[in-house]
Amino acid sequence: MSKISVNLPKTSFSMRANLPLKEPDLIDYWNKISLYKKLRESSKGNEKFVLHDGPPYANGNIHMGTALNKILKDIVTKFHQMNGKDSVYVPGWDCHGLPIEWKIEEQYKKNKKNKNDVPIVEFRKECRDFANKWIDVHKKTVSKIRCNRRLE
């Protein structure tokens, strides 16, 4: 996304909160005092709210849509936690679906290979290997992004 396509406000005000410098210290402090663990313990036994997260498909790099998806789910989970529920986020992966099969079939077409000539067990193994490769890429990418809630 280029600056030309985004209508950003122009202001002479400085960023007084200085969040880019303060946020890492806040996160370190929250981790030091085990804030998330304390929140989880304080809601133990309350009504449960569980958000099971299936996608993203493990078939390519994460993108802004992936981030938006995770942010919205984080907001919902935190809302329920702050509303007194025992709120749990359970991440997952959609590792074998049509998008992954389609990617493998595209590779077959590039290599002049016919999917129907490949035993189904081999095809499924290739799909699983492809998904695992992208899961590793996602994990490495996300681990580079500092988030304000680390599950310890």
N, C-alpha and C. Protein backbone atom coordinates (compact mmCIF):
# COMPACT_ATOMS: atom_id res chain seq x y z
N MET A 1 0.86 -1.16 0.00
CA MET A 1 0.00 0.00 0.00
C MET A 1 0.90 1.23 0.00
N SER A 2 0.67 2.12 -0.92
CA SER A 2 1.53 3.30 -0.98
C SER A 2 0.89 4.48 -0.27
N LYS A 3 1.71 5.44 0.09
CA LYS A 3 1.21 6.63 0.78
C LYS A 3 0.25 7.41 -0.10
N ILE A 4 0.43 7.29 -1.41
CA ILE A 4 -0.43 8.02 -2.34
C ILE A 4 -1.87 7.52 -2.25
N SER A 5 -2.06 6.21 -2.03
CA SER A 5 -3.40 5.63 -2.02
C SER A 5 -4.10 5.74 -0.67
N VAL A 6 -3.39 6.18 0.36
CA VAL A 6 -3.97 6.27 1.68
C VAL A 6 -4.10 7.74 2.07
N ASN A 7 -5.29 8.13 2.50
CA ASN A 7 -5.54 9.51 2.90
C ASN A 7 -5.19 9.67 4.37
N LEU A 8 -3.91 9.92 4.64
CA LEU A 8 -3.44 10.06 6.01
C LEU A 8 -3.47 11.52 6.43
N PRO A 9 -3.85 11.78 7.68
CA PRO A 9 -3.86 13.17 8.13
C PRO A 9 -2.44 13.68 8.31
N LYS A 10 -2.26 14.96 8.06
CA LYS A 10 -0.96 15.60 8.28
C LYS A 10 -1.10 16.47 9.51
N THR A 11 -0.17 16.34 10.44
CA THR A 11 -0.24 17.11 11.68
C THR A 11 1.15 17.47 12.15
N SER A 12 1.25 18.57 12.84
CA SER A 12 2.54 18.96 13.42
C SER A 12 2.68 18.44 14.85
N PHE A 13 1.61 17.81 15.37
CA PHE A 13 1.67 17.27 16.73
C PHE A 13 2.61 16.08 16.77
N SER A 14 3.39 16.05 17.83
CA SER A 14 4.29 14.89 18.00
C SER A 14 3.50 13.76 18.66
N MET A 15 4.07 12.59 18.58
CA MET A 15 3.43 11.45 19.23
C MET A 15 3.82 11.46 20.70
N ARG A 16 3.05 12.14 21.50
CA ARG A 16 3.43 12.39 22.90
C ARG A 16 3.48 11.13 23.74
N ALA A 17 2.69 10.17 23.40
CA ALA A 17 2.70 8.93 24.19
C ALA A 17 4.00 8.16 23.98
N ASN A 18 4.67 8.41 22.87
CA ASN A 18 5.94 7.77 22.57
C ASN A 18 5.84 6.24 22.63
N LEU A 19 4.72 5.72 22.11
CA LEU A 19 4.45 4.28 22.21
C LEU A 19 5.51 3.38 21.58
N PRO A 20 6.10 3.76 20.46
CA PRO A 20 7.12 2.85 19.91
C PRO A 20 8.26 2.56 20.89
N LEU A 21 8.56 3.52 21.76
CA LEU A 21 9.61 3.30 22.76
C LEU A 21 9.06 2.70 24.05
N LYS A 22 7.84 3.10 24.44
CA LYS A 22 7.27 2.65 25.72
C LYS A 22 6.69 1.24 25.65
N GLU A 23 6.12 0.87 24.51
CA GLU A 23 5.40 -0.40 24.44
C GLU A 23 6.29 -1.61 24.76
N PRO A 24 7.51 -1.72 24.23
CA PRO A 24 8.33 -2.89 24.60
C PRO A 24 8.56 -2.99 26.11
N ASP A 25 8.75 -1.85 26.77
CA ASP A 25 8.93 -1.87 28.22
C ASP A 25 7.67 -2.32 28.94
N LEU A 26 6.51 -1.85 28.46
CA LEU A 26 5.24 -2.28 29.04
C LEU A 26 5.06 -3.79 28.90
N ILE A 27 5.34 -4.30 27.71
CA ILE A 27 5.18 -5.73 27.47
C ILE A 27 6.12 -6.53 28.37
N ASP A 28 7.37 -6.06 28.48
CA ASP A 28 8.31 -6.75 29.36
C ASP A 28 7.81 -6.74 30.80
N TYR A 29 7.27 -5.62 31.25
CA TYR A 29 6.74 -5.52 32.61
C TYR A 29 5.57 -6.47 32.81
N TRP A 30 4.65 -6.48 31.84
CA TRP A 30 3.49 -7.38 31.95
C TRP A 30 3.94 -8.83 32.00
N ASN A 31 4.96 -9.17 31.22
CA ASN A 31 5.49 -10.53 31.26
C ASN A 31 6.15 -10.81 32.61
N LYS A 32 6.89 -9.82 33.13
CA LYS A 32 7.59 -9.98 34.41
C LYS A 32 6.62 -10.26 35.56
N ILE A 33 5.48 -9.55 35.57
CA ILE A 33 4.50 -9.75 36.64
C ILE A 33 3.48 -10.84 36.31
N SER A 34 3.66 -11.52 35.17
CA SER A 34 2.76 -12.60 34.73
C SER A 34 1.31 -12.14 34.68
N LEU A 35 1.10 -10.98 34.08
CA LEU A 35 -0.23 -10.38 34.03
C LEU A 35 -1.25 -11.30 33.37
N TYR A 36 -0.89 -11.89 32.22
CA TYR A 36 -1.85 -12.75 31.53
C TYR A 36 -2.22 -13.95 32.39
N LYS A 37 -1.22 -14.53 33.06
CA LYS A 37 -1.48 -15.68 33.95
C LYS A 37 -2.44 -15.28 35.07
N LYS A 38 -2.23 -14.08 35.63
CA LYS A 38 -3.11 -13.59 36.70
C LYS A 38 -4.54 -13.38 36.19
N LEU A 39 -4.67 -12.84 34.99
CA LEU A 39 -6.00 -12.66 34.40
C LEU A 39 -6.70 -14.00 34.21
N ARG A 40 -5.95 -14.98 33.71
CA ARG A 40 -6.52 -16.32 33.49
C ARG A 40 -6.95 -16.93 34.83
N GLU A 41 -6.12 -16.79 35.86
CA GLU A 41 -6.44 -17.36 37.18
C GLU A 41 -7.66 -16.67 37.79
N SER A 42 -7.78 -15.36 37.59
CA SER A 42 -8.89 -14.62 38.19
C SER A 42 -10.24 -15.01 37.60
N SER A 43 -10.25 -15.54 36.38
CA SER A 43 -11.52 -15.90 35.76
C SER A 43 -11.80 -17.40 35.82
N LYS A 44 -10.92 -18.14 36.47
CA LYS A 44 -11.07 -19.59 36.58
C LYS A 44 -12.41 -19.93 37.24
N GLY A 45 -13.15 -20.84 36.62
CA GLY A 45 -14.43 -21.26 37.16
C GLY A 45 -15.61 -20.44 36.65
N ASN A 46 -15.33 -19.29 36.03
CA ASN A 46 -16.41 -18.48 35.46
C ASN A 46 -16.94 -19.12 34.18
N GLU A 47 -18.03 -18.57 33.69
CA GLU A 47 -18.59 -19.04 32.42
C GLU A 47 -17.49 -19.00 31.36
N LYS A 48 -17.41 -20.07 30.55
CA LYS A 48 -16.36 -20.17 29.52
C LYS A 48 -16.79 -19.46 28.24
N PHE A 49 -15.80 -18.88 27.60
CA PHE A 49 -15.93 -18.43 26.21
C PHE A 49 -14.68 -18.92 25.50
N VAL A 50 -14.88 -19.79 24.51
CA VAL A 50 -13.74 -20.36 23.78
C VAL A 50 -13.87 -19.97 22.31
N LEU A 51 -12.83 -19.34 21.80
CA LEU A 51 -12.78 -19.00 20.38
C LEU A 51 -11.80 -19.95 19.70
N HIS A 52 -12.33 -20.88 18.90
CA HIS A 52 -11.48 -21.80 18.14
C HIS A 52 -11.19 -21.15 16.80
N ASP A 53 -9.93 -20.94 16.51
CA ASP A 53 -9.52 -20.27 15.28
C ASP A 53 -8.98 -21.30 14.30
N GLY A 54 -9.66 -21.49 13.20
CA GLY A 54 -9.21 -22.46 12.20
C GLY A 54 -8.25 -21.87 11.19
N PRO A 55 -8.74 -21.01 10.29
CA PRO A 55 -7.83 -20.43 9.31
C PRO A 55 -6.78 -19.57 9.97
N PRO A 56 -5.69 -19.18 9.37
CA PRO A 56 -5.53 -19.06 7.92
C PRO A 56 -5.16 -20.38 7.26
N TYR A 57 -5.50 -20.47 5.99
CA TYR A 57 -5.01 -21.61 5.20
C TYR A 57 -3.51 -21.52 5.16
N ALA A 58 -2.86 -22.64 5.31
CA ALA A 58 -1.39 -22.66 5.26
C ALA A 58 -0.97 -22.84 3.81
N ASN A 59 -1.25 -21.82 2.99
CA ASN A 59 -0.91 -21.95 1.57
C ASN A 59 -0.23 -20.72 1.00
N GLY A 60 0.29 -19.86 1.86
CA GLY A 60 0.99 -18.68 1.38
C GLY A 60 1.35 -17.78 2.54
N ASN A 61 2.05 -16.69 2.23
CA ASN A 61 2.48 -15.75 3.26
C ASN A 61 1.28 -15.09 3.93
N ILE A 62 1.49 -14.68 5.20
CA ILE A 62 0.45 -13.91 5.86
C ILE A 62 0.38 -12.54 5.21
N HIS A 63 -0.76 -11.89 5.36
CA HIS A 63 -0.97 -10.59 4.72
C HIS A 63 -1.87 -9.75 5.62
N MET A 64 -2.25 -8.58 5.18
CA MET A 64 -3.06 -7.68 6.00
C MET A 64 -4.39 -8.31 6.39
N GLY A 65 -4.96 -9.11 5.53
CA GLY A 65 -6.21 -9.80 5.86
C GLY A 65 -6.01 -10.78 7.02
N THR A 66 -4.86 -11.45 7.02
CA THR A 66 -4.53 -12.37 8.12
C THR A 66 -4.42 -11.59 9.42
N ALA A 67 -3.73 -10.45 9.36
CA ALA A 67 -3.57 -9.62 10.55
C ALA A 67 -4.92 -9.12 11.06
N LEU A 68 -5.76 -8.63 10.16
CA LEU A 68 -7.08 -8.14 10.55
C LEU A 68 -7.89 -9.25 11.22
N ASN A 69 -7.85 -10.43 10.64
CA ASN A 69 -8.54 -11.59 11.20
C ASN A 69 -8.09 -11.84 12.63
N LYS A 70 -6.77 -11.87 12.85
CA LYS A 70 -6.24 -12.14 14.20
C LYS A 70 -6.58 -11.01 15.17
N ILE A 71 -6.50 -9.77 14.72
CA ILE A 71 -6.81 -8.63 15.58
C ILE A 71 -8.26 -8.67 16.03
N LEU A 72 -9.18 -8.92 15.10
CA LEU A 72 -10.61 -8.98 15.45
C LEU A 72 -10.89 -10.10 16.45
N LYS A 73 -10.27 -11.25 16.24
CA LYS A 73 -10.47 -12.37 17.16
C LYS A 73 -9.88 -12.06 18.53
N ASP A 74 -8.75 -11.35 18.56
CA ASP A 74 -8.15 -10.95 19.82
C ASP A 74 -9.07 -9.99 20.57
N ILE A 75 -9.69 -9.06 19.84
CA ILE A 75 -10.61 -8.11 20.46
C ILE A 75 -11.80 -8.84 21.08
N VAL A 76 -12.37 -9.79 20.35
CA VAL A 76 -13.52 -10.54 20.86
C VAL A 76 -13.13 -11.33 22.11
N THR A 77 -11.99 -12.01 22.05
CA THR A 77 -11.54 -12.79 23.20
C THR A 77 -11.29 -11.91 24.42
N LYS A 78 -10.62 -10.77 24.21
CA LYS A 78 -10.34 -9.86 25.33
C LYS A 78 -11.63 -9.25 25.88
N PHE A 79 -12.59 -8.94 25.00
CA PHE A 79 -13.87 -8.40 25.47
C PHE A 79 -14.52 -9.37 26.45
N HIS A 80 -14.58 -10.63 26.07
CA HIS A 80 -15.21 -11.63 26.94
C HIS A 80 -14.42 -11.82 28.24
N GLN A 81 -13.09 -11.75 28.16
CA GLN A 81 -12.27 -11.86 29.37
C GLN A 81 -12.58 -10.68 30.29
N MET A 82 -12.63 -9.47 29.74
CA MET A 82 -12.90 -8.28 30.54
C MET A 82 -14.34 -8.25 31.04
N ASN A 83 -15.21 -9.02 30.39
CA ASN A 83 -16.62 -9.09 30.78
C ASN A 83 -16.84 -10.19 31.83
N GLY A 84 -15.74 -10.73 32.36
CA GLY A 84 -15.84 -11.68 33.46
C GLY A 84 -15.85 -13.14 33.08
N LYS A 85 -15.76 -13.45 31.81
CA LYS A 85 -15.77 -14.85 31.40
C LYS A 85 -14.36 -15.43 31.40
N ASP A 86 -14.31 -16.73 31.47
CA ASP A 86 -13.04 -17.45 31.33
C ASP A 86 -12.83 -17.62 29.83
N SER A 87 -12.18 -16.64 29.24
CA SER A 87 -12.09 -16.53 27.79
C SER A 87 -10.78 -17.11 27.27
N VAL A 88 -10.89 -18.06 26.36
CA VAL A 88 -9.72 -18.76 25.85
C VAL A 88 -9.69 -18.67 24.33
N TYR A 89 -8.52 -18.36 23.81
CA TYR A 89 -8.28 -18.34 22.36
C TYR A 89 -7.49 -19.59 22.01
N VAL A 90 -8.04 -20.42 21.12
CA VAL A 90 -7.39 -21.67 20.73
C VAL A 90 -7.03 -21.57 19.25
N PRO A 91 -5.74 -21.26 18.96
CA PRO A 91 -5.35 -21.12 17.55
C PRO A 91 -5.26 -22.47 16.87
N GLY A 92 -5.46 -22.46 15.58
CA GLY A 92 -5.35 -23.68 14.80
C GLY A 92 -5.02 -23.36 13.37
N TRP A 93 -4.97 -24.37 12.56
CA TRP A 93 -4.62 -24.22 11.14
C TRP A 93 -5.60 -25.01 10.30
N ASP A 94 -5.93 -24.48 9.16
CA ASP A 94 -6.70 -25.23 8.18
C ASP A 94 -5.68 -25.78 7.20
N CYS A 95 -5.26 -27.01 7.44
CA CYS A 95 -4.09 -27.55 6.75
C CYS A 95 -4.39 -28.44 5.56
N HIS A 96 -5.63 -28.73 5.33
CA HIS A 96 -5.87 -29.54 4.15
C HIS A 96 -7.24 -29.18 3.59
N GLY A 97 -7.21 -28.28 2.69
CA GLY A 97 -8.44 -27.85 2.06
C GLY A 97 -8.19 -27.61 0.59
N LEU A 98 -9.22 -27.17 -0.07
CA LEU A 98 -9.13 -26.94 -1.50
C LEU A 98 -8.02 -25.97 -1.90
N PRO A 99 -7.79 -24.87 -1.14
CA PRO A 99 -6.70 -23.97 -1.55
C PRO A 99 -5.33 -24.66 -1.59
N ILE A 100 -5.09 -25.57 -0.65
CA ILE A 100 -3.81 -26.28 -0.63
C ILE A 100 -3.74 -27.28 -1.77
N GLU A 101 -4.82 -28.02 -1.96
CA GLU A 101 -4.85 -28.97 -3.08
C GLU A 101 -4.64 -28.25 -4.40
N TRP A 102 -5.26 -27.08 -4.53
CA TRP A 102 -5.13 -26.32 -5.78
C TRP A 102 -3.68 -25.91 -6.01
N LYS A 103 -2.97 -25.50 -4.96
CA LYS A 103 -1.56 -25.12 -5.09
C LYS A 103 -0.72 -26.31 -5.57
N ILE A 104 -0.98 -27.49 -5.04
CA ILE A 104 -0.24 -28.69 -5.47
C ILE A 104 -0.57 -29.02 -6.92
N GLU A 105 -1.84 -28.90 -7.27
CA GLU A 105 -2.23 -29.15 -8.66
C GLU A 105 -1.58 -28.16 -9.61
N GLU A 106 -1.44 -26.90 -9.19
CA GLU A 106 -0.75 -25.91 -10.02
C GLU A 106 0.71 -26.32 -10.24
N GLN A 107 1.35 -26.84 -9.19
CA GLN A 107 2.73 -27.31 -9.34
C GLN A 107 2.79 -28.48 -10.32
N TYR A 108 1.81 -29.39 -10.24
CA TYR A 108 1.75 -30.51 -11.17
C TYR A 108 1.65 -30.00 -12.61
N LYS A 109 0.77 -29.03 -12.84
CA LYS A 109 0.57 -28.51 -14.19
C LYS A 109 1.85 -27.89 -14.72
N LYS A 110 2.57 -27.16 -13.87
CA LYS A 110 3.84 -26.54 -14.29
C LYS A 110 4.86 -27.61 -14.69
N ASN A 111 4.81 -28.75 -14.02
CA ASN A 111 5.75 -29.84 -14.27
C ASN A 111 5.19 -30.87 -15.24
N LYS A 112 4.09 -30.52 -15.91
CA LYS A 112 3.44 -31.42 -16.89
C LYS A 112 3.12 -32.78 -16.27
N LYS A 113 2.61 -32.72 -15.04
CA LYS A 113 2.25 -33.92 -14.29
C LYS A 113 0.73 -33.97 -14.17
N ASN A 114 0.14 -35.15 -14.30
CA ASN A 114 -1.30 -35.32 -14.20
C ASN A 114 -1.66 -35.80 -12.79
N LYS A 115 -2.52 -35.05 -12.14
CA LYS A 115 -2.91 -35.40 -10.77
C LYS A 115 -3.50 -36.81 -10.70
N ASN A 116 -4.22 -37.20 -11.71
CA ASN A 116 -4.87 -38.51 -11.71
C ASN A 116 -3.87 -39.67 -11.78
N ASP A 117 -2.62 -39.36 -12.17
CA ASP A 117 -1.58 -40.40 -12.23
C ASP A 117 -0.84 -40.56 -10.90
N VAL A 118 -1.14 -39.71 -9.96
CA VAL A 118 -0.45 -39.72 -8.66
C VAL A 118 -1.33 -40.46 -7.65
N PRO A 119 -0.77 -41.44 -6.94
CA PRO A 119 -1.57 -42.12 -5.91
C PRO A 119 -2.07 -41.11 -4.86
N ILE A 120 -3.29 -41.29 -4.40
CA ILE A 120 -3.91 -40.34 -3.49
C ILE A 120 -3.09 -40.16 -2.21
N VAL A 121 -2.45 -41.22 -1.73
CA VAL A 121 -1.63 -41.13 -0.52
C VAL A 121 -0.45 -40.17 -0.76
N GLU A 122 0.16 -40.28 -1.93
CA GLU A 122 1.28 -39.40 -2.27
C GLU A 122 0.80 -37.96 -2.42
N PHE A 123 -0.35 -37.78 -3.07
CA PHE A 123 -0.91 -36.43 -3.23
C PHE A 123 -1.18 -35.78 -1.87
N ARG A 124 -1.79 -36.55 -0.98
CA ARG A 124 -2.10 -36.02 0.36
C ARG A 124 -0.82 -35.70 1.14
N LYS A 125 0.22 -36.53 0.96
CA LYS A 125 1.49 -36.26 1.64
C LYS A 125 2.08 -34.95 1.11
N GLU A 126 2.01 -34.74 -0.19
CA GLU A 126 2.53 -33.49 -0.76
C GLU A 126 1.74 -32.29 -0.23
N CYS A 127 0.43 -32.44 -0.09
CA CYS A 127 -0.40 -31.37 0.48
C CYS A 127 0.01 -31.08 1.92
N ARG A 128 0.21 -32.14 2.71
CA ARG A 128 0.60 -31.98 4.11
C ARG A 128 1.97 -31.31 4.21
N ASP A 129 2.93 -31.75 3.38
CA ASP A 129 4.27 -31.15 3.39
C ASP A 129 4.20 -29.67 3.02
N PHE A 130 3.38 -29.36 2.02
CA PHE A 130 3.20 -27.97 1.59
C PHE A 130 2.62 -27.13 2.72
N ALA A 131 1.60 -27.66 3.38
CA ALA A 131 0.97 -26.95 4.50
C ALA A 131 1.96 -26.75 5.64
N ASN A 132 2.72 -27.78 5.97
CA ASN A 132 3.70 -27.67 7.06
C ASN A 132 4.76 -26.61 6.75
N LYS A 133 5.17 -26.53 5.48
CA LYS A 133 6.14 -25.51 5.09
C LYS A 133 5.58 -24.12 5.38
N TRP A 134 4.31 -23.90 5.02
CA TRP A 134 3.71 -22.57 5.21
C TRP A 134 3.38 -22.29 6.68
N ILE A 135 3.08 -23.33 7.43
CA ILE A 135 2.87 -23.14 8.88
C ILE A 135 4.17 -22.63 9.50
N ASP A 136 5.30 -23.24 9.12
CA ASP A 136 6.59 -22.78 9.64
C ASP A 136 6.86 -21.33 9.25
N VAL A 137 6.54 -20.96 8.00
CA VAL A 137 6.73 -19.58 7.55
C VAL A 137 5.85 -18.65 8.38
N HIS A 138 4.58 -19.02 8.58
CA HIS A 138 3.67 -18.19 9.38
C HIS A 138 4.21 -18.01 10.79
N LYS A 139 4.63 -19.10 11.42
CA LYS A 139 5.12 -19.03 12.80
C LYS A 139 6.34 -18.12 12.89
N LYS A 140 7.27 -18.26 11.95
CA LYS A 140 8.47 -17.42 11.96
C LYS A 140 8.11 -15.95 11.74
N THR A 141 7.16 -15.70 10.84
CA THR A 141 6.76 -14.33 10.56
C THR A 141 6.08 -13.71 11.77
N VAL A 142 5.15 -14.45 12.37
CA VAL A 142 4.41 -13.93 13.51
C VAL A 142 5.32 -13.75 14.72
N SER A 143 6.30 -14.66 14.88
CA SER A 143 7.19 -14.53 16.03
C SER A 143 8.05 -13.27 15.94
N LYS A 144 8.22 -12.73 14.75
CA LYS A 144 8.98 -11.49 14.59
C LYS A 144 8.15 -10.28 15.01
N ILE A 145 6.85 -10.45 15.03
CA ILE A 145 5.95 -9.36 15.40
C ILE A 145 5.73 -9.43 16.90
N ARG A 146 6.09 -8.39 17.60
CA ARG A 146 5.87 -8.38 19.06
C ARG A 146 4.38 -8.20 19.29
N CYS A 147 3.81 -9.08 20.08
CA CYS A 147 2.41 -8.93 20.42
C CYS A 147 2.29 -8.67 21.92
N ASN A 148 1.19 -8.08 22.31
CA ASN A 148 1.06 -7.68 23.72
C ASN A 148 0.49 -8.76 24.60
N ARG A 149 0.32 -9.96 24.07
CA ARG A 149 -0.15 -11.06 24.92
C ARG A 149 0.59 -12.31 24.52
N ARG A 150 1.57 -12.66 25.28
CA ARG A 150 2.32 -13.88 25.04
C ARG A 150 1.79 -14.94 25.98
N LEU A 151 1.49 -16.08 25.43
CA LEU A 151 1.01 -17.17 26.27
C LEU A 151 2.22 -17.87 26.87
N GLU A 152 2.33 -17.79 28.17
CA GLU A 152 3.49 -18.39 28.84
C GLU A 152 3.08 -19.66 29.54
